[in-house]
Amino acid sequence: MINVIGPLLLVTAALAQATLSPYMKINGVHPDWVLVLVIGWTVLRGLEEGVLWALIGGVSLDFLSGAPFGVFSLTMLLAALAAGLFHGRTFGTSIVVPVVLTFPLTFLFNGAALLLLSLLGHPVNWAAALTSILLPAAIFNTGVMAFVFPLLYLLNRWLNPQPLRL
């Protein structure tokens, strides 16, 4: 049986991010739900599943955004590749790794998206983007990860039960 829970979760998160973000803003910044899910799942399950989640989530955001198609897919993939470097490291499935990673990976994701948009001819005010988008989004996403990662951990345990060892 093919597991459809992950793709459904990502598409739902992308829909929520694209349609409900005006209602979820704090000081003009909304959480990047898909990015948080991709980082958390990549840390839990590894690069292969993280890349799959990044592509599903990125394509979902690409379909729902007004940005040129592929911007979110590429930047989400970049974030998943970076998060994959930390799968199974010192803290294992501890909440420490994804929470710490969320801050710089939000900068990477949003900064790369703005860079791609700039290269494609869209004007970007980098000073304003840093202070009004990148930094607040990184702080917001880090806080969101503290609540989302335990839920992803439980989903992972439910989808992949481990046998008892004696």
N, C-alpha and C. Protein backbone atom coordinates (compact mmCIF):
# COMPACT_ATOMS: atom_id res chain seq x y z
N MET A 1 0.84 -1.18 0.00
CA MET A 1 0.00 0.00 0.00
C MET A 1 0.88 1.24 0.00
N ILE A 2 0.56 2.17 -0.85
CA ILE A 2 1.30 3.42 -0.93
C ILE A 2 0.81 4.35 0.18
N ASN A 3 1.75 4.94 0.89
CA ASN A 3 1.40 5.85 1.97
C ASN A 3 1.03 7.21 1.38
N VAL A 4 -0.22 7.60 1.56
CA VAL A 4 -0.70 8.88 1.02
C VAL A 4 -0.80 9.94 2.10
N ILE A 5 -0.50 9.59 3.34
CA ILE A 5 -0.64 10.55 4.42
C ILE A 5 0.32 11.72 4.25
N GLY A 6 1.57 11.46 3.91
CA GLY A 6 2.56 12.52 3.72
C GLY A 6 2.16 13.49 2.62
N PRO A 7 1.88 13.00 1.40
CA PRO A 7 1.46 13.92 0.35
C PRO A 7 0.19 14.71 0.70
N LEU A 8 -0.78 14.06 1.34
CA LEU A 8 -1.99 14.78 1.75
C LEU A 8 -1.67 15.86 2.77
N LEU A 9 -0.79 15.55 3.69
CA LEU A 9 -0.38 16.52 4.70
C LEU A 9 0.31 17.72 4.04
N LEU A 10 1.18 17.45 3.09
CA LEU A 10 1.91 18.53 2.41
C LEU A 10 1.00 19.39 1.55
N VAL A 11 0.09 18.77 0.82
CA VAL A 11 -0.84 19.54 -0.02
C VAL A 11 -1.76 20.37 0.86
N THR A 12 -2.21 19.79 1.97
CA THR A 12 -3.06 20.54 2.90
C THR A 12 -2.29 21.72 3.50
N ALA A 13 -1.03 21.49 3.86
CA ALA A 13 -0.21 22.57 4.41
C ALA A 13 0.02 23.66 3.37
N ALA A 14 0.24 23.28 2.12
CA ALA A 14 0.43 24.26 1.05
C ALA A 14 -0.85 25.07 0.83
N LEU A 15 -1.99 24.38 0.84
CA LEU A 15 -3.28 25.09 0.70
C LEU A 15 -3.50 26.06 1.85
N ALA A 16 -3.21 25.61 3.05
CA ALA A 16 -3.36 26.48 4.23
C ALA A 16 -2.41 27.67 4.13
N GLN A 17 -1.18 27.40 3.73
CA GLN A 17 -0.18 28.46 3.62
C GLN A 17 -0.58 29.48 2.55
N ALA A 18 -1.11 29.01 1.44
CA ALA A 18 -1.46 29.91 0.34
C ALA A 18 -2.77 30.66 0.56
N THR A 19 -3.72 30.03 1.24
CA THR A 19 -5.04 30.66 1.36
C THR A 19 -5.31 31.29 2.72
N LEU A 20 -4.74 30.73 3.77
CA LEU A 20 -5.03 31.23 5.11
C LEU A 20 -3.93 32.12 5.68
N SER A 21 -2.86 32.33 4.93
CA SER A 21 -1.74 33.10 5.48
C SER A 21 -2.13 34.52 5.91
N PRO A 22 -3.09 35.19 5.24
CA PRO A 22 -3.46 36.52 5.76
C PRO A 22 -4.05 36.47 7.16
N TYR A 23 -4.60 35.34 7.54
CA TYR A 23 -5.22 35.20 8.85
C TYR A 23 -4.27 34.61 9.89
N MET A 24 -3.11 34.13 9.47
CA MET A 24 -2.14 33.51 10.38
C MET A 24 -0.93 34.41 10.61
N LYS A 25 -0.99 35.65 10.15
CA LYS A 25 0.18 36.52 10.24
C LYS A 25 0.35 37.10 11.64
N ILE A 26 1.61 37.23 12.01
CA ILE A 26 1.99 37.98 13.20
C ILE A 26 3.02 39.00 12.73
N ASN A 27 2.71 40.26 12.91
CA ASN A 27 3.57 41.36 12.42
C ASN A 27 3.88 41.22 10.94
N GLY A 28 2.90 40.79 10.15
CA GLY A 28 3.07 40.70 8.71
C GLY A 28 3.77 39.45 8.21
N VAL A 29 4.12 38.52 9.09
CA VAL A 29 4.84 37.31 8.70
C VAL A 29 3.99 36.10 9.02
N HIS A 30 3.93 35.16 8.08
CA HIS A 30 3.19 33.91 8.30
C HIS A 30 4.17 32.75 8.31
N PRO A 31 3.78 31.65 8.95
CA PRO A 31 4.68 30.49 8.98
C PRO A 31 4.76 29.81 7.62
N ASP A 32 5.92 29.26 7.34
CA ASP A 32 6.13 28.45 6.13
C ASP A 32 5.85 27.00 6.51
N TRP A 33 4.56 26.63 6.53
CA TRP A 33 4.16 25.30 7.01
C TRP A 33 4.85 24.18 6.25
N VAL A 34 4.91 24.31 4.94
CA VAL A 34 5.50 23.24 4.12
C VAL A 34 6.99 23.10 4.43
N LEU A 35 7.68 24.20 4.54
CA LEU A 35 9.10 24.16 4.86
C LEU A 35 9.34 23.49 6.21
N VAL A 36 8.55 23.84 7.20
CA VAL A 36 8.70 23.25 8.54
C VAL A 36 8.47 21.74 8.47
N LEU A 37 7.45 21.31 7.73
CA LEU A 37 7.19 19.88 7.59
C LEU A 37 8.34 19.16 6.88
N VAL A 38 8.86 19.77 5.83
CA VAL A 38 9.95 19.15 5.07
C VAL A 38 11.21 19.04 5.93
N ILE A 39 11.56 20.08 6.66
CA ILE A 39 12.75 20.03 7.51
C ILE A 39 12.58 18.94 8.56
N GLY A 40 11.45 18.93 9.24
CA GLY A 40 11.21 17.95 10.30
C GLY A 40 11.24 16.53 9.79
N TRP A 41 10.57 16.28 8.65
CA TRP A 41 10.53 14.92 8.11
C TRP A 41 11.90 14.48 7.60
N THR A 42 12.64 15.39 7.03
CA THR A 42 13.98 15.04 6.54
C THR A 42 14.89 14.66 7.70
N VAL A 43 14.81 15.40 8.79
CA VAL A 43 15.63 15.07 9.96
C VAL A 43 15.22 13.71 10.52
N LEU A 44 13.91 13.43 10.53
CA LEU A 44 13.42 12.15 11.06
C LEU A 44 13.73 10.97 10.15
N ARG A 45 13.47 11.11 8.85
CA ARG A 45 13.46 9.96 7.94
C ARG A 45 14.62 9.93 6.95
N GLY A 46 15.37 10.99 6.82
CA GLY A 46 16.51 10.96 5.93
C GLY A 46 16.30 11.70 4.62
N LEU A 47 17.36 11.76 3.85
CA LEU A 47 17.39 12.56 2.64
C LEU A 47 16.41 12.08 1.57
N GLU A 48 16.30 10.77 1.37
CA GLU A 48 15.43 10.25 0.31
C GLU A 48 13.98 10.69 0.51
N GLU A 49 13.46 10.46 1.70
CA GLU A 49 12.08 10.87 1.96
C GLU A 49 11.95 12.38 2.04
N GLY A 50 12.98 13.05 2.56
CA GLY A 50 12.97 14.51 2.62
C GLY A 50 12.90 15.15 1.24
N VAL A 51 13.65 14.60 0.30
CA VAL A 51 13.61 15.12 -1.08
C VAL A 51 12.22 14.89 -1.69
N LEU A 52 11.64 13.73 -1.45
CA LEU A 52 10.30 13.46 -1.95
C LEU A 52 9.30 14.45 -1.37
N TRP A 53 9.36 14.67 -0.07
CA TRP A 53 8.46 15.64 0.56
C TRP A 53 8.72 17.05 0.03
N ALA A 54 9.99 17.39 -0.20
CA ALA A 54 10.32 18.72 -0.72
C ALA A 54 9.73 18.92 -2.11
N LEU A 55 9.82 17.90 -2.95
CA LEU A 55 9.25 18.03 -4.30
C LEU A 55 7.73 18.13 -4.27
N ILE A 56 7.09 17.32 -3.45
CA ILE A 56 5.63 17.38 -3.36
C ILE A 56 5.19 18.73 -2.80
N GLY A 57 5.82 19.15 -1.71
CA GLY A 57 5.47 20.43 -1.10
C GLY A 57 5.82 21.61 -1.99
N GLY A 58 6.99 21.56 -2.61
CA GLY A 58 7.42 22.65 -3.49
C GLY A 58 6.53 22.80 -4.71
N VAL A 59 6.18 21.69 -5.35
CA VAL A 59 5.29 21.74 -6.51
C VAL A 59 3.91 22.25 -6.09
N SER A 60 3.44 21.82 -4.92
CA SER A 60 2.15 22.30 -4.42
C SER A 60 2.18 23.82 -4.25
N LEU A 61 3.25 24.33 -3.66
CA LEU A 61 3.36 25.78 -3.50
C LEU A 61 3.50 26.48 -4.85
N ASP A 62 4.22 25.86 -5.78
CA ASP A 62 4.37 26.45 -7.11
C ASP A 62 3.02 26.60 -7.81
N PHE A 63 2.17 25.58 -7.69
CA PHE A 63 0.85 25.65 -8.31
C PHE A 63 -0.03 26.72 -7.68
N LEU A 64 0.18 26.97 -6.39
CA LEU A 64 -0.70 27.89 -5.66
C LEU A 64 -0.18 29.32 -5.59
N SER A 65 1.05 29.55 -6.01
CA SER A 65 1.63 30.89 -5.89
C SER A 65 1.63 31.61 -7.22
N GLY A 66 1.90 32.89 -7.14
CA GLY A 66 2.02 33.69 -8.35
C GLY A 66 3.45 33.77 -8.85
N ALA A 67 4.35 33.12 -8.17
CA ALA A 67 5.76 33.14 -8.57
C ALA A 67 5.97 32.24 -9.79
N PRO A 68 7.05 32.45 -10.53
CA PRO A 68 7.34 31.56 -11.65
C PRO A 68 7.42 30.11 -11.18
N PHE A 69 6.87 29.21 -11.99
CA PHE A 69 6.81 27.81 -11.60
C PHE A 69 8.23 27.24 -11.43
N GLY A 70 8.45 26.57 -10.34
CA GLY A 70 9.73 25.94 -10.05
C GLY A 70 10.52 26.63 -8.97
N VAL A 71 10.18 27.88 -8.65
CA VAL A 71 10.95 28.61 -7.64
C VAL A 71 10.86 27.90 -6.30
N PHE A 72 9.66 27.54 -5.87
CA PHE A 72 9.51 26.90 -4.57
C PHE A 72 9.98 25.45 -4.59
N SER A 73 9.84 24.78 -5.71
CA SER A 73 10.34 23.40 -5.80
C SER A 73 11.85 23.37 -5.63
N LEU A 74 12.54 24.27 -6.32
CA LEU A 74 14.01 24.30 -6.24
C LEU A 74 14.48 24.71 -4.85
N THR A 75 13.87 25.73 -4.28
CA THR A 75 14.34 26.20 -2.98
C THR A 75 13.98 25.21 -1.86
N MET A 76 12.83 24.55 -1.99
CA MET A 76 12.45 23.53 -1.00
C MET A 76 13.41 22.34 -1.08
N LEU A 77 13.79 21.98 -2.29
CA LEU A 77 14.75 20.90 -2.49
C LEU A 77 16.10 21.26 -1.88
N LEU A 78 16.51 22.49 -2.04
CA LEU A 78 17.77 22.96 -1.45
C LEU A 78 17.72 22.86 0.08
N ALA A 79 16.61 23.25 0.66
CA ALA A 79 16.46 23.16 2.12
C ALA A 79 16.47 21.70 2.59
N ALA A 80 15.81 20.83 1.84
CA ALA A 80 15.79 19.40 2.21
C ALA A 80 17.19 18.80 2.10
N LEU A 81 17.94 19.16 1.08
CA LEU A 81 19.30 18.65 0.94
C LEU A 81 20.17 19.08 2.12
N ALA A 82 20.01 20.33 2.54
CA ALA A 82 20.78 20.82 3.69
C ALA A 82 20.34 20.12 4.97
N ALA A 83 19.03 19.93 5.16
CA ALA A 83 18.52 19.25 6.36
C ALA A 83 18.96 17.79 6.38
N GLY A 84 19.07 17.18 5.20
CA GLY A 84 19.48 15.78 5.11
C GLY A 84 20.87 15.51 5.64
N LEU A 85 21.69 16.54 5.68
CA LEU A 85 23.04 16.39 6.23
C LEU A 85 23.02 16.09 7.72
N PHE A 86 21.89 16.37 8.38
CA PHE A 86 21.81 16.22 9.83
C PHE A 86 20.94 15.06 10.28
N HIS A 87 20.49 14.23 9.34
CA HIS A 87 19.67 13.07 9.70
C HIS A 87 20.51 12.08 10.50
N GLY A 88 19.98 11.68 11.67
CA GLY A 88 20.64 10.66 12.48
C GLY A 88 21.93 11.09 13.13
N ARG A 89 22.14 12.39 13.25
CA ARG A 89 23.38 12.87 13.88
C ARG A 89 23.31 12.71 15.39
N THR A 90 24.12 13.40 16.08
CA THR A 90 24.32 13.26 17.52
C THR A 90 23.03 13.13 18.34
N PHE A 91 22.05 13.95 18.05
CA PHE A 91 20.86 13.97 18.89
C PHE A 91 19.76 13.05 18.39
N GLY A 92 20.00 12.31 17.33
CA GLY A 92 19.01 11.36 16.81
C GLY A 92 17.71 12.03 16.45
N THR A 93 16.62 11.61 17.09
CA THR A 93 15.31 12.19 16.80
C THR A 93 14.91 13.23 17.83
N SER A 94 15.88 13.82 18.50
CA SER A 94 15.62 14.87 19.47
C SER A 94 15.07 16.10 18.77
N ILE A 95 14.31 16.87 19.48
CA ILE A 95 13.73 18.10 18.93
C ILE A 95 14.79 19.18 18.71
N VAL A 96 15.96 19.01 19.31
CA VAL A 96 17.01 20.03 19.24
C VAL A 96 17.44 20.28 17.79
N VAL A 97 17.72 19.23 17.04
CA VAL A 97 18.25 19.38 15.67
C VAL A 97 17.27 20.12 14.76
N PRO A 98 16.01 19.70 14.64
CA PRO A 98 15.13 20.43 13.73
C PRO A 98 14.85 21.87 14.16
N VAL A 99 14.76 22.11 15.46
CA VAL A 99 14.51 23.47 15.93
C VAL A 99 15.71 24.36 15.60
N VAL A 100 16.91 23.87 15.84
CA VAL A 100 18.11 24.66 15.53
C VAL A 100 18.27 24.84 14.02
N LEU A 101 17.96 23.82 13.24
CA LEU A 101 18.10 23.91 11.78
C LEU A 101 17.08 24.83 11.13
N THR A 102 15.92 24.97 11.73
CA THR A 102 14.84 25.73 11.10
C THR A 102 15.24 27.19 10.86
N PHE A 103 15.94 27.78 11.80
CA PHE A 103 16.33 29.19 11.64
C PHE A 103 17.20 29.41 10.40
N PRO A 104 18.34 28.73 10.26
CA PRO A 104 19.17 28.99 9.06
C PRO A 104 18.52 28.47 7.77
N LEU A 105 17.76 27.37 7.86
CA LEU A 105 17.15 26.85 6.64
C LEU A 105 16.00 27.73 6.15
N THR A 106 15.37 28.46 7.05
CA THR A 106 14.37 29.44 6.61
C THR A 106 15.06 30.56 5.84
N PHE A 107 16.22 31.00 6.34
CA PHE A 107 17.00 31.99 5.60
C PHE A 107 17.38 31.45 4.23
N LEU A 108 17.85 30.22 4.19
CA LEU A 108 18.26 29.60 2.93
C LEU A 108 17.08 29.52 1.97
N PHE A 109 15.95 29.00 2.43
CA PHE A 109 14.77 28.82 1.58
C PHE A 109 14.26 30.15 1.04
N ASN A 110 13.98 31.09 1.94
CA ASN A 110 13.42 32.37 1.50
C ASN A 110 14.45 33.21 0.75
N GLY A 111 15.70 33.16 1.19
CA GLY A 111 16.75 33.90 0.49
C GLY A 111 16.98 33.38 -0.92
N ALA A 112 16.99 32.06 -1.08
CA ALA A 112 17.16 31.47 -2.42
C ALA A 112 15.96 31.79 -3.30
N ALA A 113 14.75 31.78 -2.72
CA ALA A 113 13.56 32.13 -3.50
C ALA A 113 13.64 33.58 -3.98
N LEU A 114 14.05 34.49 -3.08
CA LEU A 114 14.19 35.89 -3.48
C LEU A 114 15.30 36.07 -4.52
N LEU A 115 16.38 35.32 -4.37
CA LEU A 115 17.47 35.40 -5.35
C LEU A 115 16.99 34.92 -6.72
N LEU A 116 16.27 33.80 -6.76
CA LEU A 116 15.73 33.32 -8.03
C LEU A 116 14.78 34.33 -8.65
N LEU A 117 13.92 34.90 -7.83
CA LEU A 117 12.99 35.92 -8.34
C LEU A 117 13.76 37.12 -8.89
N SER A 118 14.81 37.52 -8.19
CA SER A 118 15.65 38.63 -8.64
C SER A 118 16.32 38.30 -9.97
N LEU A 119 16.84 37.09 -10.09
CA LEU A 119 17.48 36.67 -11.34
C LEU A 119 16.50 36.57 -12.50
N LEU A 120 15.23 36.33 -12.16
CA LEU A 120 14.20 36.24 -13.20
C LEU A 120 13.59 37.60 -13.53
N GLY A 121 14.17 38.67 -12.97
CA GLY A 121 13.75 40.02 -13.33
C GLY A 121 12.77 40.69 -12.39
N HIS A 122 12.44 40.05 -11.29
CA HIS A 122 11.54 40.67 -10.32
C HIS A 122 12.36 41.53 -9.37
N PRO A 123 11.94 42.77 -9.12
CA PRO A 123 12.72 43.62 -8.21
C PRO A 123 12.64 43.13 -6.77
N VAL A 124 13.79 43.11 -6.10
CA VAL A 124 13.87 42.68 -4.71
C VAL A 124 14.64 43.74 -3.93
N ASN A 125 14.03 44.26 -2.88
CA ASN A 125 14.70 45.18 -1.97
C ASN A 125 15.33 44.34 -0.87
N TRP A 126 16.61 44.07 -0.98
CA TRP A 126 17.28 43.12 -0.09
C TRP A 126 17.31 43.59 1.36
N ALA A 127 17.52 44.87 1.58
CA ALA A 127 17.56 45.37 2.96
C ALA A 127 16.20 45.19 3.63
N ALA A 128 15.15 45.55 2.93
CA ALA A 128 13.80 45.40 3.49
C ALA A 128 13.45 43.92 3.64
N ALA A 129 13.87 43.10 2.70
CA ALA A 129 13.57 41.66 2.76
C ALA A 129 14.23 41.04 3.99
N LEU A 130 15.44 41.46 4.28
CA LEU A 130 16.15 40.90 5.44
C LEU A 130 15.43 41.23 6.74
N THR A 131 15.03 42.47 6.88
CA THR A 131 14.43 42.90 8.15
C THR A 131 12.94 42.59 8.26
N SER A 132 12.23 42.54 7.14
CA SER A 132 10.78 42.34 7.24
C SER A 132 10.31 40.96 6.81
N ILE A 133 11.17 40.18 6.16
CA ILE A 133 10.75 38.83 5.72
C ILE A 133 11.67 37.76 6.31
N LEU A 134 12.94 37.80 5.97
CA LEU A 134 13.84 36.71 6.31
C LEU A 134 14.00 36.50 7.82
N LEU A 135 14.36 37.53 8.55
CA LEU A 135 14.58 37.38 9.98
C LEU A 135 13.29 37.04 10.74
N PRO A 136 12.18 37.79 10.53
CA PRO A 136 10.94 37.42 11.24
C PRO A 136 10.43 36.03 10.88
N ALA A 137 10.54 35.65 9.60
CA ALA A 137 10.08 34.32 9.19
C ALA A 137 10.92 33.22 9.84
N ALA A 138 12.22 33.46 9.95
CA ALA A 138 13.10 32.46 10.58
C ALA A 138 12.74 32.29 12.06
N ILE A 139 12.46 33.38 12.73
CA ILE A 139 12.06 33.29 14.14
C ILE A 139 10.71 32.58 14.28
N PHE A 140 9.75 32.97 13.45
CA PHE A 140 8.41 32.39 13.50
C PHE A 140 8.46 30.89 13.19
N ASN A 141 9.15 30.51 12.13
CA ASN A 141 9.24 29.09 11.76
C ASN A 141 9.93 28.26 12.83
N THR A 142 10.92 28.83 13.49
CA THR A 142 11.61 28.11 14.57
C THR A 142 10.64 27.81 15.71
N GLY A 143 9.81 28.79 16.05
CA GLY A 143 8.80 28.56 17.07
C GLY A 143 7.77 27.53 16.65
N VAL A 144 7.36 27.58 15.39
CA VAL A 144 6.39 26.62 14.87
C VAL A 144 6.97 25.21 14.90
N MET A 145 8.26 25.07 14.58
CA MET A 145 8.89 23.75 14.57
C MET A 145 8.84 23.10 15.96
N ALA A 146 8.94 23.91 17.00
CA ALA A 146 8.90 23.36 18.36
C ALA A 146 7.58 22.66 18.64
N PHE A 147 6.52 23.07 17.96
CA PHE A 147 5.21 22.43 18.13
C PHE A 147 4.95 21.34 17.09
N VAL A 148 5.47 21.53 15.89
CA VAL A 148 5.19 20.60 14.79
C VAL A 148 6.03 19.33 14.88
N PHE A 149 7.30 19.45 15.27
CA PHE A 149 8.18 18.28 15.26
C PHE A 149 7.68 17.14 16.15
N PRO A 150 7.20 17.40 17.36
CA PRO A 150 6.68 16.28 18.15
C PRO A 150 5.51 15.56 17.45
N LEU A 151 4.70 16.30 16.71
CA LEU A 151 3.60 15.67 15.96
C LEU A 151 4.14 14.84 14.80
N LEU A 152 5.17 15.34 14.12
CA LEU A 152 5.80 14.57 13.06
C LEU A 152 6.46 13.31 13.62
N TYR A 153 7.05 13.42 14.78
CA TYR A 153 7.67 12.27 15.44
C TYR A 153 6.62 11.19 15.71
N LEU A 154 5.46 11.61 16.23
CA LEU A 154 4.38 10.66 16.49
C LEU A 154 3.85 10.05 15.19
N LEU A 155 3.73 10.86 14.14
CA LEU A 155 3.31 10.33 12.84
C LEU A 155 4.31 9.31 12.33
N ASN A 156 5.59 9.60 12.46
CA ASN A 156 6.63 8.67 12.04
C ASN A 156 6.54 7.36 12.81
N ARG A 157 6.32 7.43 14.12
CA ARG A 157 6.21 6.21 14.94
C ARG A 157 4.96 5.41 14.55
N TRP A 158 3.89 6.12 14.20
CA TRP A 158 2.66 5.45 13.82
C TRP A 158 2.79 4.77 12.44
N LEU A 159 3.45 5.46 11.51
CA LEU A 159 3.63 4.90 10.17
C LEU A 159 4.71 3.82 10.12
N ASN A 160 5.67 3.89 11.02
CA ASN A 160 6.80 2.97 11.03
C ASN A 160 7.01 2.41 12.43
N PRO A 161 6.10 1.56 12.91
CA PRO A 161 6.27 1.03 14.28
C PRO A 161 7.52 0.16 14.37
N GLN A 162 8.20 0.30 15.49
CA GLN A 162 9.41 -0.45 15.74
C GLN A 162 9.09 -1.64 16.64
N PRO A 163 9.60 -2.83 16.31
CA PRO A 163 9.34 -3.97 17.19
C PRO A 163 10.08 -3.80 18.52
N LEU A 164 9.51 -4.39 19.54
CA LEU A 164 10.17 -4.36 20.85
C LEU A 164 11.40 -5.23 20.82
N ARG A 165 12.47 -4.74 21.44
CA ARG A 165 13.71 -5.50 21.53
C ARG A 165 13.91 -5.95 22.96
N LEU A 166 14.28 -7.20 23.12
CA LEU A 166 14.52 -7.74 24.46
C LEU A 166 15.99 -7.83 24.74
